[in-house]
Amino acid sequence: MASYLWKTISVLWLIWGLVHMLAGVIIVPADTAAGFQAIADAVDPAQLENVYHPAVGGVLDQHGYNLFWIGLVTVICSVMIWRENWTGVWLAALIGGLADVGYFVFVDLPGYAQFMPGTVMTIVSGSAIILSIILWRRRKNA
């Protein structure tokens, strides 16, 4: 059973990481309005169409860059988790989990994003963290 949990946690973080790397690749080269439209996909695109100051685009590009490296780190962690490495579990939960808390509070709860892929990715990371806690408790009780 423990091996199954390790593999499941690994796959969940792999999916989460790849989706976030893709988001970064989409956001950074996009113009500012398109970048916002990619993130806030539940908002009418016409409401996000604007001429933004270049600094706004710079901040959005930084966000895309952060999405990419956060995704990359969780992909690397997923390999570590597949090999049953606790450092990978904690690092993925810390980086991916905290990134998703911010997304959930500031984008998801106000209703700026659609269920797919945004909310689904929060469910994926939350599931990986919950399964990691279950695995940790089993280890401590063994």
C-alpha atoms as a PDB file:
ATOM      1  CA  MET A   1       0.000   0.000   0.000  1.00  0.00           C
ATOM      2  CA  ALA A   2       2.806   2.448   0.841  1.00  0.00           C
ATOM      3  CA  SER A   3       4.391   1.968  -2.587  1.00  0.00           C
ATOM      4  CA  TYR A   4       1.060   2.791  -4.228  1.00  0.00           C
ATOM      5  CA  LEU A   5       0.811   6.006  -2.173  1.00  0.00           C
ATOM      6  CA  TRP A   6       4.351   7.055  -3.134  1.00  0.00           C
ATOM      7  CA  LYS A   7       3.587   6.534  -6.838  1.00  0.00           C
ATOM      8  CA  THR A   8       0.233   8.320  -6.645  1.00  0.00           C
ATOM      9  CA  ILE A   9       1.742  11.323  -4.874  1.00  0.00           C
ATOM     10  CA  SER A  10       4.539  11.406  -7.443  1.00  0.00           C
ATOM     11  CA  VAL A  11       2.127  11.391 -10.400  1.00  0.00           C
ATOM     12  CA  LEU A  12      -0.051  14.098  -8.842  1.00  0.00           C
ATOM     13  CA  TRP A  13       2.944  16.405  -8.411  1.00  0.00           C
ATOM     14  CA  LEU A  14       4.204  15.563 -11.902  1.00  0.00           C
ATOM     15  CA  ILE A  15       0.877  16.611 -13.427  1.00  0.00           C
ATOM     16  CA  TRP A  16       0.718  19.740 -11.267  1.00  0.00           C
ATOM     17  CA  GLY A  17       4.276  20.705 -12.161  1.00  0.00           C
ATOM     18  CA  LEU A  18       3.875  20.200 -15.898  1.00  0.00           C
ATOM     19  CA  VAL A  19       0.666  22.249 -15.982  1.00  0.00           C
ATOM     20  CA  HIS A  20       2.382  25.104 -14.153  1.00  0.00           C
ATOM     21  CA  MET A  21       5.430  24.960 -16.403  1.00  0.00           C
ATOM     22  CA  LEU A  22       3.066  25.184 -19.385  1.00  0.00           C
ATOM     23  CA  ALA A  23       1.305  28.158 -17.794  1.00  0.00           C
ATOM     24  CA  GLY A  24       4.624  29.943 -17.452  1.00  0.00           C
ATOM     25  CA  VAL A  25       5.503  29.214 -21.073  1.00  0.00           C
ATOM     26  CA  ILE A  26       2.124  30.614 -22.164  1.00  0.00           C
ATOM     27  CA  ILE A  27       2.197  33.741 -19.988  1.00  0.00           C
ATOM     28  CA  VAL A  28       5.738  35.077 -20.464  1.00  0.00           C
ATOM     29  CA  PRO A  29       5.692  35.585 -24.266  1.00  0.00           C
ATOM     30  CA  ALA A  30       2.041  36.722 -24.338  1.00  0.00           C
ATOM     31  CA  ASP A  31       1.109  40.373 -24.392  1.00  0.00           C
ATOM     32  CA  THR A  32      -0.154  41.633 -21.055  1.00  0.00           C
ATOM     33  CA  ALA A  33      -3.875  41.435 -21.834  1.00  0.00           C
ATOM     34  CA  ALA A  34      -3.539  37.882 -23.184  1.00  0.00           C
ATOM     35  CA  GLY A  35      -1.525  36.892 -20.125  1.00  0.00           C
ATOM     36  CA  PHE A  36      -4.254  38.124 -17.811  1.00  0.00           C
ATOM     37  CA  GLN A  37      -6.882  36.414 -19.950  1.00  0.00           C
ATOM     38  CA  ALA A  38      -4.981  33.123 -19.645  1.00  0.00           C
ATOM     39  CA  ILE A  39      -4.989  33.354 -15.846  1.00  0.00           C
ATOM     40  CA  ALA A  40      -8.389  34.925 -15.194  1.00  0.00           C
ATOM     41  CA  ASP A  41     -10.218  32.751 -17.716  1.00  0.00           C
ATOM     42  CA  ALA A  42     -13.618  33.129 -16.012  1.00  0.00           C
ATOM     43  CA  VAL A  43     -13.566  36.883 -16.636  1.00  0.00           C
ATOM     44  CA  ASP A  44     -14.953  38.241 -19.907  1.00  0.00           C
ATOM     45  CA  PRO A  45     -11.827  38.774 -22.064  1.00  0.00           C
ATOM     46  CA  ALA A  46     -13.159  42.153 -23.187  1.00  0.00           C
ATOM     47  CA  GLN A  47     -12.941  43.374 -19.592  1.00  0.00           C
ATOM     48  CA  LEU A  48      -9.235  42.554 -19.502  1.00  0.00           C
ATOM     49  CA  GLU A  49      -8.455  44.159 -22.854  1.00  0.00           C
ATOM     50  CA  ASN A  50      -6.498  47.291 -22.063  1.00  0.00           C
ATOM     51  CA  VAL A  51      -3.302  49.170 -22.764  1.00  0.00           C
ATOM     52  CA  TYR A  52      -1.225  48.353 -19.689  1.00  0.00           C
ATOM     53  CA  HIS A  53       1.874  50.146 -18.489  1.00  0.00           C
ATOM     54  CA  PRO A  54       4.991  48.094 -19.330  1.00  0.00           C
ATOM     55  CA  ALA A  55       5.586  47.620 -15.584  1.00  0.00           C
ATOM     56  CA  VAL A  56       2.327  45.657 -15.356  1.00  0.00           C
ATOM     57  CA  GLY A  57       3.584  43.384 -18.126  1.00  0.00           C
ATOM     58  CA  GLY A  58       6.867  42.997 -16.273  1.00  0.00           C
ATOM     59  CA  VAL A  59       5.090  41.911 -13.100  1.00  0.00           C
ATOM     60  CA  LEU A  60       2.972  39.459 -15.107  1.00  0.00           C
ATOM     61  CA  ASP A  61       6.103  38.067 -16.795  1.00  0.00           C
ATOM     62  CA  GLN A  62       7.680  37.616 -13.361  1.00  0.00           C
ATOM     63  CA  HIS A  63       4.555  35.663 -12.345  1.00  0.00           C
ATOM     64  CA  GLY A  64       4.883  33.475 -15.460  1.00  0.00           C
ATOM     65  CA  TYR A  65       8.561  32.893 -14.689  1.00  0.00           C
ATOM     66  CA  ASN A  66       7.647  31.934 -11.114  1.00  0.00           C
ATOM     67  CA  LEU A  67       4.987  29.527 -12.367  1.00  0.00           C
ATOM     68  CA  PHE A  68       7.583  27.890 -14.593  1.00  0.00           C
ATOM     69  CA  TRP A  69      10.276  27.399 -11.936  1.00  0.00           C
ATOM     70  CA  ILE A  70       7.738  26.309  -9.299  1.00  0.00           C
ATOM     71  CA  GLY A  71       6.431  23.751 -11.789  1.00  0.00           C
ATOM     72  CA  LEU A  72       9.956  22.615 -12.642  1.00  0.00           C
ATOM     73  CA  VAL A  73      10.863  22.116  -8.983  1.00  0.00           C
ATOM     74  CA  THR A  74       7.726  20.036  -8.393  1.00  0.00           C
ATOM     75  CA  VAL A  75       8.508  17.918 -11.470  1.00  0.00           C
ATOM     76  CA  ILE A  76      11.981  17.253 -10.042  1.00  0.00           C
ATOM     77  CA  CYS A  77      10.377  16.506  -6.672  1.00  0.00           C
ATOM     78  CA  SER A  78       7.999  14.050  -8.354  1.00  0.00           C
ATOM     79  CA  VAL A  79      11.017  12.000  -9.468  1.00  0.00           C
ATOM     80  CA  MET A  80      12.367  12.086  -5.916  1.00  0.00           C
ATOM     81  CA  ILE A  81       8.961  11.052  -4.558  1.00  0.00           C
ATOM     82  CA  TRP A  82       8.761   8.166  -7.045  1.00  0.00           C
ATOM     83  CA  ARG A  83      12.026   6.993  -5.445  1.00  0.00           C
ATOM     84  CA  GLU A  84      10.383   7.309  -2.000  1.00  0.00           C
ATOM     85  CA  ASN A  85      12.361  10.338  -0.895  1.00  0.00           C
ATOM     86  CA  TRP A  86      10.817  12.386   1.923  1.00  0.00           C
ATOM     87  CA  THR A  87      12.756  15.521   0.980  1.00  0.00           C
ATOM     88  CA  GLY A  88      10.890  15.534  -2.346  1.00  0.00           C
ATOM     89  CA  VAL A  89       7.559  15.218  -0.545  1.00  0.00           C
ATOM     90  CA  TRP A  90       8.226  18.131   1.776  1.00  0.00           C
ATOM     91  CA  LEU A  91       9.736  20.350  -0.902  1.00  0.00           C
ATOM     92  CA  ALA A  92       6.835  19.764  -3.315  1.00  0.00           C
ATOM     93  CA  ALA A  93       4.282  20.368  -0.576  1.00  0.00           C
ATOM     94  CA  LEU A  94       6.037  23.528   0.552  1.00  0.00           C
ATOM     95  CA  ILE A  95       6.584  25.069  -2.877  1.00  0.00           C
ATOM     96  CA  GLY A  96       3.570  23.766  -4.790  1.00  0.00           C
ATOM     97  CA  GLY A  97       1.230  23.895  -1.810  1.00  0.00           C
ATOM     98  CA  LEU A  98       2.048  27.467  -0.856  1.00  0.00           C
ATOM     99  CA  ALA A  99       1.817  28.590  -4.488  1.00  0.00           C
ATOM    100  CA  ASP A 100      -1.655  27.082  -4.683  1.00  0.00           C
ATOM    101  CA  VAL A 101      -2.790  28.753  -1.454  1.00  0.00           C
ATOM    102  CA  GLY A 102      -2.130  32.139  -3.040  1.00  0.00           C
ATOM    103  CA  TYR A 103      -3.924  31.120  -6.217  1.00  0.00           C
ATOM    104  CA  PHE A 104      -6.882  29.762  -4.292  1.00  0.00           C
ATOM    105  CA  VAL A 105      -7.278  32.864  -2.103  1.00  0.00           C
ATOM    106  CA  PHE A 106      -6.679  35.572  -4.704  1.00  0.00           C
ATOM    107  CA  VAL A 107      -7.891  34.042  -7.983  1.00  0.00           C
ATOM    108  CA  ASP A 108     -10.108  31.032  -7.305  1.00  0.00           C
ATOM    109  CA  LEU A 109     -12.260  32.227  -4.392  1.00  0.00           C
ATOM    110  CA  PRO A 110     -13.161  35.559  -6.032  1.00  0.00           C
ATOM    111  CA  GLY A 111     -14.286  33.595  -9.110  1.00  0.00           C
ATOM    112  CA  TYR A 112     -11.719  34.873 -11.625  1.00  0.00           C
ATOM    113  CA  ALA A 113     -10.798  31.398 -12.901  1.00  0.00           C
ATOM    114  CA  GLN A 114     -12.746  28.506 -14.312  1.00  0.00           C
ATOM    115  CA  PHE A 115     -12.871  25.123 -12.620  1.00  0.00           C
ATOM    116  CA  MET A 116     -10.599  23.593 -15.262  1.00  0.00           C
ATOM    117  CA  PRO A 117      -7.635  23.791 -15.040  1.00  0.00           C
ATOM    118  CA  GLY A 118      -7.237  26.167 -12.081  1.00  0.00           C
ATOM    119  CA  THR A 119      -9.418  24.673  -9.365  1.00  0.00           C
ATOM    120  CA  VAL A 120      -8.578  21.163 -10.546  1.00  0.00           C
ATOM    121  CA  MET A 121      -4.866  21.871 -10.016  1.00  0.00           C
ATOM    122  CA  THR A 122      -5.615  23.071  -6.482  1.00  0.00           C
ATOM    123  CA  ILE A 123      -7.456  19.793  -5.881  1.00  0.00           C
ATOM    124  CA  VAL A 124      -4.492  17.877  -7.335  1.00  0.00           C
ATOM    125  CA  SER A 125      -1.953  19.564  -5.042  1.00  0.00           C
ATOM    126  CA  GLY A 126      -4.279  19.290  -2.036  1.00  0.00           C
ATOM    127  CA  SER A 127      -4.751  15.588  -2.740  1.00  0.00           C
ATOM    128  CA  ALA A 128      -0.991  15.071  -2.985  1.00  0.00           C
ATOM    129  CA  ILE A 129      -0.515  16.819   0.361  1.00  0.00           C
ATOM    130  CA  ILE A 130      -3.304  14.827   2.053  1.00  0.00           C
ATOM    131  CA  LEU A 131      -1.903  11.538   0.711  1.00  0.00           C
ATOM    132  CA  SER A 132       1.554  12.602   1.916  1.00  0.00           C
ATOM    133  CA  ILE A 133       0.175  13.176   5.417  1.00  0.00           C
ATOM    134  CA  ILE A 134      -1.457   9.728   5.329  1.00  0.00           C
ATOM    135  CA  LEU A 135       1.838   8.194   4.208  1.00  0.00           C
ATOM    136  CA  TRP A 136       3.737  10.084   6.928  1.00  0.00           C
ATOM    137  CA  ARG A 137       1.318   8.903   9.624  1.00  0.00           C
ATOM    138  CA  ARG A 138       1.594   5.291   8.399  1.00  0.00           C
ATOM    139  CA  ARG A 139       5.376   5.574   8.584  1.00  0.00           C
ATOM    140  CA  LYS A 140       5.268   6.914  12.106  1.00  0.00           C
ATOM    141  CA  ASN A 141       2.840   4.187  13.236  1.00  0.00           C
ATOM    142  CA  ALA A 142       4.808   1.345  11.631  1.00  0.00           C
END
